[in-house]
C-alpha atoms as a PDB file:
ATOM      1  CA  MET A   1      85.796 117.401  67.864  1.00  0.00           C
ATOM      2  CA  CYS A   2      87.973 115.844  70.563  1.00  0.00           C
ATOM      3  CA  ARG A   3      91.167 117.052  68.895  1.00  0.00           C
ATOM      4  CA  HIS A   4      90.058 120.600  69.605  1.00  0.00           C
ATOM      5  CA  VAL A   5      89.538 120.127  73.333  1.00  0.00           C
ATOM      6  CA  ARG A   6      91.832 122.509  75.140  1.00  0.00           C
ATOM      7  CA  VAL A   7      93.966 121.673  78.133  1.00  0.00           C
ATOM      8  CA  GLY A   8      91.962 124.133  80.223  1.00  0.00           C
ATOM      9  CA  GLU A   9      88.786 122.180  79.504  1.00  0.00           C
ATOM     10  CA  ARG A  10      90.506 118.988  80.649  1.00  0.00           C
ATOM     11  CA  ILE A  11      91.583 120.699  83.869  1.00  0.00           C
ATOM     12  CA  ARG A  12      88.013 121.903  84.464  1.00  0.00           C
ATOM     13  CA  ALA A  13      86.799 118.364  83.882  1.00  0.00           C
ATOM     14  CA  ALA A  14      89.318 117.175  86.451  1.00  0.00           C
ATOM     15  CA  ARG A  15      87.935 119.669  88.940  1.00  0.00           C
ATOM     16  CA  VAL A  16      84.480 118.234  88.350  1.00  0.00           C
ATOM     17  CA  GLY A  17      85.855 114.877  89.282  1.00  0.00           C
ATOM     18  CA  LEU A  18      88.255 112.193  88.280  1.00  0.00           C
ATOM     19  CA  LEU A  19      85.466 110.379  86.484  1.00  0.00           C
ATOM     20  CA  GLY A  20      84.836 113.405  84.282  1.00  0.00           C
ATOM     21  CA  ALA A  21      88.492 113.573  83.310  1.00  0.00           C
ATOM     22  CA  LEU A  22      88.586 109.875  82.524  1.00  0.00           C
ATOM     23  CA  VAL A  23      85.480 110.098  80.383  1.00  0.00           C
ATOM     24  CA  LEU A  24      86.855 113.087  78.501  1.00  0.00           C
ATOM     25  CA  ALA A  25      90.279 111.502  78.010  1.00  0.00           C
ATOM     26  CA  SER A  26      88.879 108.150  76.905  1.00  0.00           C
ATOM     27  CA  ALA A  27      86.369 109.740  74.557  1.00  0.00           C
ATOM     28  CA  CYS A  28      89.027 111.797  72.864  1.00  0.00           C
ATOM     29  CA  GLY A  29      91.975 109.470  72.927  1.00  0.00           C
ATOM     30  CA  GLU A  30      95.242 110.477  71.352  1.00  0.00           C
ATOM     31  CA  PRO A  31      95.329 112.158  67.956  1.00  0.00           C
ATOM     32  CA  ARG A  32      96.036 109.623  65.241  1.00  0.00           C
ATOM     33  CA  SER A  33      98.646 110.098  62.581  1.00  0.00           C
ATOM     34  CA  PRO A  34      97.564 110.232  58.926  1.00  0.00           C
ATOM     35  CA  ALA A  35      99.333 106.869  58.440  1.00  0.00           C
ATOM     36  CA  ALA A  36      97.123 105.148  61.049  1.00  0.00           C
ATOM     37  CA  PRO A  37      94.104 104.563  58.749  1.00  0.00           C
ATOM     38  CA  ALA A  38      96.376 103.074  56.083  1.00  0.00           C
ATOM     39  CA  ALA A  39      97.997 100.760  58.639  1.00  0.00           C
ATOM     40  CA  GLU A  40      94.579  99.685  59.925  1.00  0.00           C
ATOM     41  CA  ARG A  41      93.391  99.076  56.371  1.00  0.00           C
ATOM     42  CA  GLY A  42      96.506  96.964  55.682  1.00  0.00           C
ATOM     43  CA  ALA A  43      95.871  94.907  58.828  1.00  0.00           C
ATOM     44  CA  ALA A  44      92.238  94.378  57.812  1.00  0.00           C
ATOM     45  CA  GLU A  45      93.280  93.268  54.326  1.00  0.00           C
ATOM     46  CA  HIS A  46      95.848  90.887  55.833  1.00  0.00           C
ATOM     47  CA  GLY A  47      93.133  89.479  58.138  1.00  0.00           C
ATOM     48  CA  ALA A  48      90.777  88.988  55.181  1.00  0.00           C
ATOM     49  CA  ALA A  49      93.535  87.205  53.258  1.00  0.00           C
ATOM     50  CA  ALA A  50      94.233  84.973  56.247  1.00  0.00           C
ATOM     51  CA  LEU A  51      90.543  84.094  56.513  1.00  0.00           C
ATOM     52  CA  ALA A  52      90.377  83.366  52.788  1.00  0.00           C
ATOM     53  CA  THR A  53      93.157  80.801  53.102  1.00  0.00           C
ATOM     54  CA  ALA A  54      91.975  79.373  56.443  1.00  0.00           C
ATOM     55  CA  LYS A  55      91.201  75.672  56.491  1.00  0.00           C
ATOM     56  CA  VAL A  56      87.508  74.899  56.967  1.00  0.00           C
ATOM     57  CA  PHE A  57      85.581  71.643  57.057  1.00  0.00           C
ATOM     58  CA  ASP A  58      82.297  70.395  55.653  1.00  0.00           C
ATOM     59  CA  GLU A  59      79.976  68.044  57.496  1.00  0.00           C
ATOM     60  CA  HIS A  60      81.892  65.005  56.205  1.00  0.00           C
ATOM     61  CA  GLY A  61      85.234  66.256  57.519  1.00  0.00           C
ATOM     62  CA  ALA A  62      86.604  67.245  54.103  1.00  0.00           C
ATOM     63  CA  ALA A  63      89.015  70.169  54.450  1.00  0.00           C
ATOM     64  CA  SER A  64      89.137  73.078  52.015  1.00  0.00           C
ATOM     65  CA  ALA A  65      90.214  76.712  51.847  1.00  0.00           C
ATOM     66  CA  CYS A  66      87.596  79.303  52.672  1.00  0.00           C
ATOM     67  CA  GLY A  67      86.853  81.563  49.707  1.00  0.00           C
ATOM     68  CA  PRO A  68      85.487  85.071  50.216  1.00  0.00           C
ATOM     69  CA  PRO A  69      81.771  85.303  51.039  1.00  0.00           C
ATOM     70  CA  GLU A  70      79.519  86.036  48.093  1.00  0.00           C
ATOM     71  CA  ALA A  71      77.026  88.881  48.289  1.00  0.00           C
ATOM     72  CA  GLN A  72      74.118  87.134  46.543  1.00  0.00           C
ATOM     73  CA  CYS A  73      73.450  83.730  48.092  1.00  0.00           C
ATOM     74  CA  PRO A  74      70.240  81.713  48.296  1.00  0.00           C
ATOM     75  CA  PRO A  75      68.607  81.596  51.743  1.00  0.00           C
ATOM     76  CA  THR A  76      69.760  78.789  54.013  1.00  0.00           C
ATOM     77  CA  ALA A  77      67.980  76.827  56.706  1.00  0.00           C
ATOM     78  CA  VAL A  78      67.843  78.526  60.094  1.00  0.00           C
ATOM     79  CA  SER A  79      68.663  75.375  62.045  1.00  0.00           C
ATOM     80  CA  ASN A  80      71.339  73.140  60.611  1.00  0.00           C
ATOM     81  CA  PRO A  81      72.527  70.278  62.878  1.00  0.00           C
ATOM     82  CA  PHE A  82      76.025  70.413  61.364  1.00  0.00           C
ATOM     83  CA  LEU A  83      76.415  74.120  62.171  1.00  0.00           C
ATOM     84  CA  ASP A  84      74.884  73.642  65.620  1.00  0.00           C
ATOM     85  CA  HIS A  85      77.409  70.872  66.374  1.00  0.00           C
ATOM     86  CA  CYS A  86      80.203  73.099  65.055  1.00  0.00           C
ATOM     87  CA  ARG A  87      79.296  75.893  67.469  1.00  0.00           C
ATOM     88  CA  MET A  88      78.763  73.504  70.376  1.00  0.00           C
ATOM     89  CA  ALA A  89      82.200  71.995  69.770  1.00  0.00           C
ATOM     90  CA  GLY A  90      83.660  75.498  70.216  1.00  0.00           C
ATOM     91  CA  PHE A  91      84.474  76.221  66.585  1.00  0.00           C
ATOM     92  CA  VAL A  92      83.554  79.222  64.455  1.00  0.00           C
ATOM     93  CA  VAL A  93      81.080  78.961  61.577  1.00  0.00           C
ATOM     94  CA  ARG A  94      82.328  80.787  58.469  1.00  0.00           C
ATOM     95  CA  GLN A  95      80.636  81.682  55.216  1.00  0.00           C
ATOM     96  CA  CYS A  96      82.828  80.490  52.362  1.00  0.00           C
ATOM     97  CA  GLY A  97      81.334  81.559  49.076  1.00  0.00           C
ATOM     98  CA  CYS A  98      77.658  80.730  49.604  1.00  0.00           C
ATOM     99  CA  GLU A  99      78.273  77.747  51.871  1.00  0.00           C
ATOM    100  CA  MET A 100      78.657  77.654  55.622  1.00  0.00           C
ATOM    101  CA  ARG A 101      81.693  75.769  56.883  1.00  0.00           C
ATOM    102  CA  CYS A 102      83.147  74.918  60.282  1.00  0.00           C
ATOM    103  CA  ALA A 103      86.592  76.091  61.394  1.00  0.00           C
ATOM    104  CA  GLY A 104      87.196  72.655  62.963  1.00  0.00           C
ATOM    105  CA  ASP A 105      86.631  69.040  61.973  1.00  0.00           C
ATOM    106  CA  ILE A 106      83.565  67.930  63.908  1.00  0.00           C
ATOM    107  CA  SER A 107      83.074  64.764  61.886  1.00  0.00           C
ATOM    108  CA  ALA A 108      85.400  63.199  64.445  1.00  0.00           C
ATOM    109  CA  ALA A 109      82.582  63.624  66.963  1.00  0.00           C
ATOM    110  CA  THR A 110      80.655  60.866  65.198  1.00  0.00           C
ATOM    111  CA  ARG A 111      83.645  58.501  65.175  1.00  0.00           C
ATOM    112  CA  HIS A 112      83.343  55.932  67.888  1.00  0.00           C
ATOM    113  CA  TYR A 113      85.039  52.651  68.652  1.00  0.00           C
ATOM    114  CA  ASP A 114      83.646  49.349  69.863  1.00  0.00           C
ATOM    115  CA  ALA A 115      85.207  47.193  72.586  1.00  0.00           C
ATOM    116  CA  ASP A 116      87.526  45.571  70.023  1.00  0.00           C
ATOM    117  CA  GLY A 117      88.792  48.978  68.829  1.00  0.00           C
ATOM    118  CA  HIS A 118      86.963  48.923  65.494  1.00  0.00           C
ATOM    119  CA  LEU A 119      85.865  52.291  64.090  1.00  0.00           C
ATOM    120  CA  LYS A 120      82.091  52.745  63.912  1.00  0.00           C
ATOM    121  CA  GLU A 121      79.764  55.613  63.153  1.00  0.00           C
ATOM    122  CA  CYS A 122      77.620  56.613  66.105  1.00  0.00           C
ATOM    123  CA  ALA A 123      74.017  56.049  65.113  1.00  0.00           C
ATOM    124  CA  PRO A 124      71.334  57.857  67.108  1.00  0.00           C
ATOM    125  CA  ALA A 125      70.289  55.971  70.225  1.00  0.00           C
ATOM    126  CA  ARG A 126      67.210  53.862  69.707  1.00  0.00           C
ATOM    127  CA  ALA A 127      64.303  54.287  72.103  1.00  0.00           C
ATOM    128  CA  ASP A 128      63.085  50.721  71.540  1.00  0.00           C
ATOM    129  CA  CYS A 129      66.144  48.993  73.002  1.00  0.00           C
ATOM    130  CA  THR A 130      68.426  49.041  76.011  1.00  0.00           C
ATOM    131  CA  PRO A 131      72.082  48.313  75.217  1.00  0.00           C
ATOM    132  CA  PRO A 132      73.720  45.453  77.081  1.00  0.00           C
ATOM    133  CA  GLN A 133      76.138  46.396  79.860  1.00  0.00           C
ATOM    134  CA  ALA A 134      79.585  47.358  78.535  1.00  0.00           C
ATOM    135  CA  GLY A 135      82.461  45.281  79.893  1.00  0.00           C
ATOM    136  CA  SER A 136      84.416  46.855  82.738  1.00  0.00           C
ATOM    137  CA  ALA A 137      87.753  46.566  80.883  1.00  0.00           C
ATOM    138  CA  PHE A 138      86.200  48.443  77.930  1.00  0.00           C
ATOM    139  CA  GLN A 139      84.749  51.093  80.226  1.00  0.00           C
ATOM    140  CA  ASP A 140      88.050  51.544  82.059  1.00  0.00           C
ATOM    141  CA  ALA A 141      90.149  51.716  78.876  1.00  0.00           C
ATOM    142  CA  CYS A 142      87.827  54.283  77.338  1.00  0.00           C
ATOM    143  CA  THR A 143      87.631  56.576  80.346  1.00  0.00           C
ATOM    144  CA  GLU A 144      91.331  56.236  81.263  1.00  0.00           C
ATOM    145  CA  HIS A 145      92.197  57.668  77.846  1.00  0.00           C
ATOM    146  CA  GLY A 146      89.946  60.680  78.490  1.00  0.00           C
ATOM    147  CA  PHE A 147      86.984  59.547  76.410  1.00  0.00           C
ATOM    148  CA  ARG A 148      83.396  58.794  77.330  1.00  0.00           C
ATOM    149  CA  LEU A 149      81.056  55.930  76.554  1.00  0.00           C
ATOM    150  CA  ASP A 150      78.052  56.805  74.391  1.00  0.00           C
ATOM    151  CA  VAL A 151      74.989  54.813  73.458  1.00  0.00           C
ATOM    152  CA  CYS A 152      75.047  54.515  69.671  1.00  0.00           C
ATOM    153  CA  GLY A 153      72.146  52.645  68.140  1.00  0.00           C
ATOM    154  CA  CYS A 154      71.769  49.856  70.662  1.00  0.00           C
ATOM    155  CA  GLU A 155      75.348  49.449  71.857  1.00  0.00           C
ATOM    156  CA  TRP A 156      77.956  51.223  73.959  1.00  0.00           C
ATOM    157  CA  LEU A 157      80.797  52.792  72.001  1.00  0.00           C
ATOM    158  CA  CYS A 158      83.835  54.776  73.103  1.00  0.00           C
ATOM    159  CA  ALA A 159      83.988  58.395  71.822  1.00  0.00           C
ATOM    160  CA  GLY A 160      87.692  58.054  70.980  1.00  0.00           C
ATOM    161  CA  ASP A 161      90.369  55.631  69.899  1.00  0.00           C
ATOM    162  CA  PHE A 162      91.326  54.137  73.245  1.00  0.00           C
ATOM    163  CA  LYS A 163      93.646  51.514  71.704  1.00  0.00           C
ATOM    164  CA  HIS A 164      96.241  54.046  70.462  1.00  0.00           C
END
């Protein structure tokens, strides 16, 4: 319909006000060439191919390629801690086949280091214990490298490898 709008109608819209002309011009846009839909389709197919080969991660940090989503998949849980952590870390959740994967490796978020620099998994903080005070050298080394101290189980651990 917009292709058939005459110049006179655009001028009348301009007389009504600049806003009217802008609305009319933006609603109509420029006529598209017959090649435009094919180019858009090609770009969409390229984007789908790029997504299909994108690297995604499972909850253990294992990387894989993301296959195309399947149409018939069993229902999944509404709240999944892995997917929630993925979104909170700023990554995109993607459906790969029938499985949901994260566009980034969030398993690193559970990797923590003790005061000696040994890798440890961060266990949930225990309510029945108070961790002993972390040494000041450990605190300083952790924070100076841009990491934070977290209570894991019943001890303080650094959220990154502060020794390297």
